[in-house]
Amino acid sequence: MPEDLPYTRPFWEALAEGDFLLQTCDVCDHAYFPPAPVCPDCHGDRVSWTEIDATGEIYAYTRQHRTADGFESPIVLATVDLDAGPRVLVRMDDEYAELEIGAPVEIRSVDYAGGLDRGWLADYPFFRGVLR
């Protein structure tokens, strides 16, 4: 694992177990995603990991007709307001026509199906959203 990214390791290890983690700032109590070595709100460097129920609702969604090499086209993406606070951009397993603003979503761990070299993350899963 690269020395410059050790702060994300707990997230990927938890995801491999089917759990979803957020970081919470120990200084201002702000929960955030994606993982970072400092709080994006107060810039404090004392952060903790919190396991959450990865549920929320759709804030916005789109269909991407052309994607980067190594990914199938089209894909459906949603910005999800997690019940625990932050917004997360996720690829959805559902069809575009099935989605609507405010629809309940669960984020699940899935095997990575892309065709890109993920380096040290090669053996770790990724995550996708699914309507509840």
N, C-alpha and C. Protein backbone atom coordinates (compact mmCIF):
# COMPACT_ATOMS: atom_id res chain seq x y z
N MET A 1 0.85 -1.18 0.00
CA MET A 1 0.00 0.00 0.00
C MET A 1 0.89 1.23 0.00
N PRO A 2 0.57 2.24 -0.81
CA PRO A 2 1.38 3.45 -0.83
C PRO A 2 1.38 4.14 0.53
N GLU A 3 2.50 4.66 0.91
CA GLU A 3 2.64 5.33 2.20
C GLU A 3 1.80 6.61 2.27
N ASP A 4 1.46 7.21 1.13
CA ASP A 4 0.72 8.47 1.16
C ASP A 4 -0.79 8.29 1.30
N LEU A 5 -1.30 7.07 1.34
CA LEU A 5 -2.74 6.85 1.44
C LEU A 5 -3.15 5.92 2.58
N PRO A 6 -2.43 5.83 3.66
CA PRO A 6 -2.82 4.87 4.69
C PRO A 6 -4.13 5.21 5.39
N TYR A 7 -4.56 6.45 5.33
CA TYR A 7 -5.77 6.85 6.04
C TYR A 7 -7.04 6.25 5.44
N THR A 8 -7.00 5.74 4.22
CA THR A 8 -8.19 5.14 3.62
C THR A 8 -8.31 3.64 3.89
N ARG A 9 -7.25 3.04 4.36
CA ARG A 9 -7.25 1.58 4.55
C ARG A 9 -8.40 1.07 5.42
N PRO A 10 -8.72 1.70 6.57
CA PRO A 10 -9.85 1.20 7.37
C PRO A 10 -11.17 1.19 6.60
N PHE A 11 -11.37 2.17 5.72
CA PHE A 11 -12.61 2.19 4.92
C PHE A 11 -12.69 0.96 4.04
N TRP A 12 -11.61 0.67 3.28
CA TRP A 12 -11.64 -0.45 2.35
C TRP A 12 -11.72 -1.79 3.07
N GLU A 13 -11.05 -1.92 4.21
CA GLU A 13 -11.11 -3.17 4.97
C GLU A 13 -12.52 -3.40 5.51
N ALA A 14 -13.17 -2.33 5.99
CA ALA A 14 -14.55 -2.47 6.48
C ALA A 14 -15.49 -2.82 5.32
N LEU A 15 -15.28 -2.16 4.17
CA LEU A 15 -16.13 -2.44 3.01
C LEU A 15 -16.00 -3.91 2.59
N ALA A 16 -14.81 -4.47 2.70
CA ALA A 16 -14.60 -5.89 2.38
C ALA A 16 -15.41 -6.79 3.31
N GLU A 17 -15.73 -6.30 4.50
CA GLU A 17 -16.55 -7.06 5.46
C GLU A 17 -18.04 -6.71 5.32
N GLY A 18 -18.37 -5.84 4.36
CA GLY A 18 -19.76 -5.45 4.15
C GLY A 18 -20.20 -4.27 4.97
N ASP A 19 -19.26 -3.59 5.62
CA ASP A 19 -19.58 -2.44 6.46
C ASP A 19 -19.19 -1.14 5.75
N PHE A 20 -19.83 -0.04 6.10
CA PHE A 20 -19.54 1.27 5.52
C PHE A 20 -19.13 2.20 6.64
N LEU A 21 -17.96 2.81 6.48
CA LEU A 21 -17.43 3.72 7.49
C LEU A 21 -17.40 5.15 7.00
N LEU A 22 -17.66 6.06 7.92
CA LEU A 22 -17.43 7.48 7.71
C LEU A 22 -16.37 7.92 8.70
N GLN A 23 -15.74 9.03 8.40
CA GLN A 23 -14.87 9.65 9.40
C GLN A 23 -15.65 10.76 10.08
N THR A 24 -15.40 10.90 11.38
CA THR A 24 -16.00 11.97 12.17
C THR A 24 -14.86 12.72 12.84
N CYS A 25 -14.93 14.05 12.76
CA CYS A 25 -13.91 14.89 13.37
C CYS A 25 -14.09 14.89 14.88
N ASP A 26 -13.01 14.63 15.62
CA ASP A 26 -13.05 14.64 17.07
C ASP A 26 -13.05 16.07 17.62
N VAL A 27 -12.77 17.05 16.77
CA VAL A 27 -12.73 18.45 17.20
C VAL A 27 -14.12 19.09 17.06
N CYS A 28 -14.74 18.98 15.86
CA CYS A 28 -16.02 19.67 15.62
C CYS A 28 -17.20 18.72 15.44
N ASP A 29 -16.98 17.41 15.48
CA ASP A 29 -18.02 16.38 15.37
C ASP A 29 -18.65 16.31 13.98
N HIS A 30 -17.98 16.83 12.96
CA HIS A 30 -18.47 16.80 11.57
C HIS A 30 -18.20 15.42 10.97
N ALA A 31 -19.23 14.76 10.42
CA ALA A 31 -19.06 13.48 9.72
C ALA A 31 -18.88 13.78 8.24
N TYR A 32 -17.93 13.09 7.60
CA TYR A 32 -17.65 13.39 6.20
C TYR A 32 -17.21 12.17 5.41
N PHE A 33 -17.33 12.32 4.08
CA PHE A 33 -16.91 11.32 3.11
C PHE A 33 -16.54 12.08 1.85
N PRO A 34 -15.49 11.71 1.16
CA PRO A 34 -14.62 10.55 1.32
C PRO A 34 -13.63 10.74 2.46
N PRO A 35 -12.96 9.64 2.84
CA PRO A 35 -11.98 9.71 3.91
C PRO A 35 -10.87 10.71 3.58
N ALA A 36 -10.40 11.38 4.61
CA ALA A 36 -9.32 12.35 4.45
C ALA A 36 -8.55 12.44 5.76
N PRO A 37 -7.29 12.83 5.71
CA PRO A 37 -6.49 12.89 6.94
C PRO A 37 -6.85 14.07 7.84
N VAL A 38 -7.59 15.04 7.31
CA VAL A 38 -8.03 16.18 8.12
C VAL A 38 -9.50 16.46 7.83
N CYS A 39 -10.18 17.07 8.77
CA CYS A 39 -11.59 17.42 8.63
C CYS A 39 -11.75 18.51 7.58
N PRO A 40 -12.64 18.32 6.61
CA PRO A 40 -12.85 19.36 5.60
C PRO A 40 -13.60 20.58 6.15
N ASP A 41 -14.16 20.46 7.34
CA ASP A 41 -14.92 21.56 7.93
C ASP A 41 -14.04 22.48 8.77
N CYS A 42 -13.32 21.92 9.77
CA CYS A 42 -12.51 22.75 10.67
C CYS A 42 -11.01 22.53 10.48
N HIS A 43 -10.63 21.58 9.65
CA HIS A 43 -9.24 21.22 9.35
C HIS A 43 -8.52 20.58 10.54
N GLY A 44 -9.30 20.07 11.49
CA GLY A 44 -8.71 19.34 12.60
C GLY A 44 -8.14 18.02 12.11
N ASP A 45 -7.07 17.56 12.76
CA ASP A 45 -6.44 16.31 12.33
C ASP A 45 -6.68 15.15 13.29
N ARG A 46 -7.64 15.30 14.18
CA ARG A 46 -8.03 14.21 15.08
C ARG A 46 -9.39 13.69 14.58
N VAL A 47 -9.35 12.54 13.91
CA VAL A 47 -10.57 11.98 13.32
C VAL A 47 -10.76 10.54 13.76
N SER A 48 -12.00 10.12 13.81
CA SER A 48 -12.36 8.75 14.18
C SER A 48 -13.21 8.14 13.09
N TRP A 49 -13.19 6.81 13.03
CA TRP A 49 -14.02 6.07 12.09
C TRP A 49 -15.31 5.69 12.79
N THR A 50 -16.44 5.81 12.06
CA THR A 50 -17.74 5.45 12.60
C THR A 50 -18.45 4.54 11.60
N GLU A 51 -18.87 3.37 12.06
CA GLU A 51 -19.66 2.49 11.20
C GLU A 51 -21.09 3.00 11.16
N ILE A 52 -21.66 3.07 9.95
CA ILE A 52 -23.02 3.57 9.80
C ILE A 52 -23.87 2.57 9.04
N ASP A 53 -25.19 2.72 9.16
CA ASP A 53 -26.10 2.06 8.24
C ASP A 53 -26.03 2.89 6.97
N ALA A 54 -25.58 2.32 5.89
CA ALA A 54 -25.36 3.07 4.66
C ALA A 54 -26.67 3.25 3.91
N THR A 55 -27.54 4.04 4.50
CA THR A 55 -28.84 4.33 3.91
C THR A 55 -29.01 5.83 3.76
N GLY A 56 -29.86 6.20 2.85
CA GLY A 56 -30.14 7.62 2.64
C GLY A 56 -31.19 7.77 1.56
N GLU A 57 -31.19 8.97 0.94
CA GLU A 57 -32.15 9.20 -0.13
C GLU A 57 -31.49 9.97 -1.26
N ILE A 58 -32.04 9.80 -2.44
CA ILE A 58 -31.47 10.41 -3.64
C ILE A 58 -31.66 11.92 -3.59
N TYR A 59 -30.55 12.63 -3.75
CA TYR A 59 -30.55 14.09 -3.85
C TYR A 59 -30.61 14.50 -5.33
N ALA A 60 -29.88 13.78 -6.16
CA ALA A 60 -29.84 14.04 -7.60
C ALA A 60 -29.39 12.76 -8.30
N TYR A 61 -29.68 12.65 -9.59
CA TYR A 61 -29.23 11.47 -10.34
C TYR A 61 -29.08 11.82 -11.81
N THR A 62 -28.30 10.99 -12.50
CA THR A 62 -28.06 11.20 -13.93
C THR A 62 -27.69 9.88 -14.58
N ARG A 63 -27.74 9.88 -15.88
CA ARG A 63 -27.28 8.73 -16.66
C ARG A 63 -26.10 9.22 -17.48
N GLN A 64 -24.99 8.53 -17.36
CA GLN A 64 -23.78 8.87 -18.12
C GLN A 64 -23.72 7.95 -19.32
N HIS A 65 -23.90 8.52 -20.52
CA HIS A 65 -23.99 7.72 -21.73
C HIS A 65 -22.63 7.22 -22.22
N ARG A 66 -21.60 8.01 -22.02
CA ARG A 66 -20.24 7.60 -22.39
C ARG A 66 -19.40 7.61 -21.13
N THR A 67 -18.59 6.59 -20.99
CA THR A 67 -17.76 6.47 -19.79
C THR A 67 -16.30 6.32 -20.20
N ALA A 68 -15.45 6.35 -19.22
CA ALA A 68 -14.02 6.16 -19.45
C ALA A 68 -13.75 4.71 -19.87
N ASP A 69 -12.63 4.51 -20.54
CA ASP A 69 -12.22 3.16 -20.91
C ASP A 69 -12.21 2.28 -19.66
N GLY A 70 -12.66 1.06 -19.81
CA GLY A 70 -12.68 0.11 -18.70
C GLY A 70 -14.01 0.05 -17.97
N PHE A 71 -14.96 0.90 -18.35
CA PHE A 71 -16.29 0.91 -17.73
C PHE A 71 -17.35 0.74 -18.79
N GLU A 72 -18.39 -0.01 -18.45
CA GLU A 72 -19.49 -0.20 -19.39
C GLU A 72 -20.28 1.10 -19.52
N SER A 73 -20.97 1.26 -20.63
CA SER A 73 -21.81 2.43 -20.86
C SER A 73 -23.22 1.96 -21.19
N PRO A 74 -24.24 2.69 -20.86
CA PRO A 74 -24.23 3.83 -19.95
C PRO A 74 -24.24 3.35 -18.50
N ILE A 75 -24.00 4.28 -17.58
CA ILE A 75 -24.13 3.98 -16.16
C ILE A 75 -25.05 5.02 -15.52
N VAL A 76 -25.68 4.61 -14.45
CA VAL A 76 -26.58 5.49 -13.71
C VAL A 76 -25.89 5.86 -12.40
N LEU A 77 -25.81 7.17 -12.15
CA LEU A 77 -25.16 7.69 -10.94
C LEU A 77 -26.15 8.48 -10.12
N ALA A 78 -26.00 8.44 -8.80
CA ALA A 78 -26.84 9.24 -7.91
C ALA A 78 -25.99 9.87 -6.82
N THR A 79 -26.37 11.07 -6.47
CA THR A 79 -25.84 11.69 -5.27
C THR A 79 -26.83 11.36 -4.17
N VAL A 80 -26.33 10.72 -3.11
CA VAL A 80 -27.20 10.25 -2.04
C VAL A 80 -26.89 11.01 -0.76
N ASP A 81 -27.93 11.59 -0.16
CA ASP A 81 -27.80 12.19 1.16
C ASP A 81 -27.91 11.05 2.17
N LEU A 82 -26.78 10.70 2.78
CA LEU A 82 -26.80 9.63 3.78
C LEU A 82 -27.57 10.07 5.01
N ASP A 83 -28.27 9.13 5.65
CA ASP A 83 -28.97 9.43 6.90
C ASP A 83 -27.98 9.91 7.96
N ALA A 84 -26.72 9.48 7.85
CA ALA A 84 -25.69 9.87 8.82
C ALA A 84 -25.10 11.25 8.53
N GLY A 85 -25.50 11.89 7.41
CA GLY A 85 -25.05 13.25 7.17
C GLY A 85 -24.49 13.58 5.81
N PRO A 86 -23.34 13.04 5.43
CA PRO A 86 -22.69 13.48 4.19
C PRO A 86 -23.42 13.00 2.94
N ARG A 87 -23.05 13.62 1.83
CA ARG A 87 -23.50 13.16 0.52
C ARG A 87 -22.43 12.28 -0.09
N VAL A 88 -22.88 11.25 -0.82
CA VAL A 88 -21.98 10.30 -1.46
C VAL A 88 -22.45 10.12 -2.91
N LEU A 89 -21.50 10.13 -3.83
CA LEU A 89 -21.80 9.83 -5.23
C LEU A 89 -21.66 8.32 -5.41
N VAL A 90 -22.72 7.67 -5.90
CA VAL A 90 -22.69 6.21 -6.07
C VAL A 90 -23.23 5.81 -7.43
N ARG A 91 -22.69 4.73 -7.91
CA ARG A 91 -23.25 4.09 -9.09
C ARG A 91 -24.45 3.30 -8.62
N MET A 92 -25.55 3.41 -9.35
CA MET A 92 -26.78 2.73 -8.96
C MET A 92 -26.95 1.43 -9.75
N ASP A 93 -27.50 0.42 -9.10
CA ASP A 93 -27.82 -0.84 -9.77
C ASP A 93 -29.17 -0.77 -10.47
N ASP A 94 -29.97 0.24 -10.15
CA ASP A 94 -31.31 0.37 -10.70
C ASP A 94 -31.28 1.14 -12.02
N GLU A 95 -32.33 0.97 -12.81
CA GLU A 95 -32.47 1.67 -14.08
C GLU A 95 -32.80 3.14 -13.82
N TYR A 96 -32.37 3.98 -14.73
CA TYR A 96 -32.58 5.43 -14.63
C TYR A 96 -34.07 5.75 -14.44
N ALA A 97 -34.93 5.10 -15.20
CA ALA A 97 -36.37 5.38 -15.14
C ALA A 97 -36.99 5.02 -13.80
N GLU A 98 -36.33 4.19 -12.99
CA GLU A 98 -36.85 3.78 -11.70
C GLU A 98 -36.52 4.77 -10.59
N LEU A 99 -35.60 5.69 -10.84
CA LEU A 99 -35.13 6.61 -9.81
C LEU A 99 -35.99 7.86 -9.73
N GLU A 100 -36.00 8.47 -8.54
CA GLU A 100 -36.64 9.77 -8.36
C GLU A 100 -36.00 10.45 -7.15
N ILE A 101 -36.05 11.76 -7.16
CA ILE A 101 -35.51 12.53 -6.05
C ILE A 101 -36.24 12.12 -4.77
N GLY A 102 -35.48 11.89 -3.70
CA GLY A 102 -36.05 11.50 -2.42
C GLY A 102 -36.25 10.01 -2.24
N ALA A 103 -36.00 9.21 -3.28
CA ALA A 103 -36.17 7.75 -3.17
C ALA A 103 -35.16 7.19 -2.17
N PRO A 104 -35.58 6.24 -1.34
CA PRO A 104 -34.66 5.64 -0.36
C PRO A 104 -33.65 4.71 -1.03
N VAL A 105 -32.41 4.79 -0.57
CA VAL A 105 -31.30 4.04 -1.16
C VAL A 105 -30.50 3.36 -0.05
N GLU A 106 -29.99 2.18 -0.38
CA GLU A 106 -29.03 1.49 0.49
C GLU A 106 -27.74 1.33 -0.31
N ILE A 107 -26.61 1.59 0.32
CA ILE A 107 -25.32 1.40 -0.32
C ILE A 107 -24.75 0.07 0.13
N ARG A 108 -24.34 -0.74 -0.85
CA ARG A 108 -23.85 -2.09 -0.56
C ARG A 108 -22.46 -2.30 -1.13
N SER A 109 -21.73 -3.17 -0.49
CA SER A 109 -20.41 -3.59 -0.97
C SER A 109 -20.61 -4.54 -2.14
N VAL A 110 -19.84 -4.33 -3.22
CA VAL A 110 -19.91 -5.21 -4.39
C VAL A 110 -18.50 -5.46 -4.91
N ASP A 111 -18.33 -6.58 -5.59
CA ASP A 111 -17.04 -6.84 -6.24
C ASP A 111 -16.81 -5.79 -7.30
N TYR A 112 -15.59 -5.35 -7.43
CA TYR A 112 -15.24 -4.36 -8.44
C TYR A 112 -15.28 -5.01 -9.81
N ALA A 113 -16.06 -4.42 -10.72
CA ALA A 113 -16.24 -5.03 -12.04
C ALA A 113 -15.61 -4.19 -13.15
N GLY A 114 -14.92 -3.12 -12.80
CA GLY A 114 -14.30 -2.28 -13.81
C GLY A 114 -13.06 -2.94 -14.39
N GLY A 115 -12.56 -2.37 -15.46
CA GLY A 115 -11.40 -2.96 -16.12
C GLY A 115 -10.11 -2.19 -15.89
N LEU A 116 -10.07 -1.38 -14.84
CA LEU A 116 -8.88 -0.58 -14.57
C LEU A 116 -8.01 -1.21 -13.49
N ASP A 117 -6.72 -0.96 -13.58
CA ASP A 117 -5.78 -1.40 -12.55
C ASP A 117 -5.95 -0.51 -11.33
N ARG A 118 -6.38 -1.08 -10.23
CA ARG A 118 -6.61 -0.31 -9.01
C ARG A 118 -5.42 -0.37 -8.05
N GLY A 119 -4.30 -0.88 -8.52
CA GLY A 119 -3.11 -0.91 -7.67
C GLY A 119 -3.35 -1.69 -6.40
N TRP A 120 -3.00 -1.09 -5.25
CA TRP A 120 -3.12 -1.78 -3.97
C TRP A 120 -4.57 -2.09 -3.59
N LEU A 121 -5.54 -1.49 -4.28
CA LEU A 121 -6.95 -1.76 -4.01
C LEU A 121 -7.50 -2.92 -4.84
N ALA A 122 -6.65 -3.58 -5.61
CA ALA A 122 -7.10 -4.62 -6.54
C ALA A 122 -7.94 -5.71 -5.87
N ASP A 123 -7.66 -6.05 -4.63
CA ASP A 123 -8.37 -7.14 -3.97
C ASP A 123 -9.55 -6.65 -3.12
N TYR A 124 -9.82 -5.36 -3.15
CA TYR A 124 -10.90 -4.80 -2.34
C TYR A 124 -12.15 -4.57 -3.19
N PRO A 125 -13.34 -4.68 -2.56
CA PRO A 125 -14.58 -4.42 -3.28
C PRO A 125 -14.79 -2.92 -3.48
N PHE A 126 -15.88 -2.58 -4.13
CA PHE A 126 -16.31 -1.20 -4.27
C PHE A 126 -17.73 -1.14 -3.71
N PHE A 127 -18.46 -0.11 -3.98
CA PHE A 127 -19.84 -0.02 -3.46
C PHE A 127 -20.76 0.53 -4.54
N ARG A 128 -22.04 0.16 -4.40
CA ARG A 128 -23.09 0.62 -5.30
C ARG A 128 -24.35 0.89 -4.50
N GLY A 129 -25.22 1.71 -5.09
CA GLY A 129 -26.50 2.00 -4.47
C GLY A 129 -27.59 1.14 -5.07
N VAL A 130 -28.60 0.87 -4.27
CA VAL A 130 -29.77 0.12 -4.73
C VAL A 130 -31.00 0.73 -4.03
N LEU A 131 -32.09 0.86 -4.78
CA LEU A 131 -33.32 1.37 -4.17
C LEU A 131 -33.81 0.40 -3.10
N ARG A 132 -34.33 0.95 -2.01
CA ARG A 132 -34.89 0.13 -0.93
C ARG A 132 -36.38 0.00 -1.11
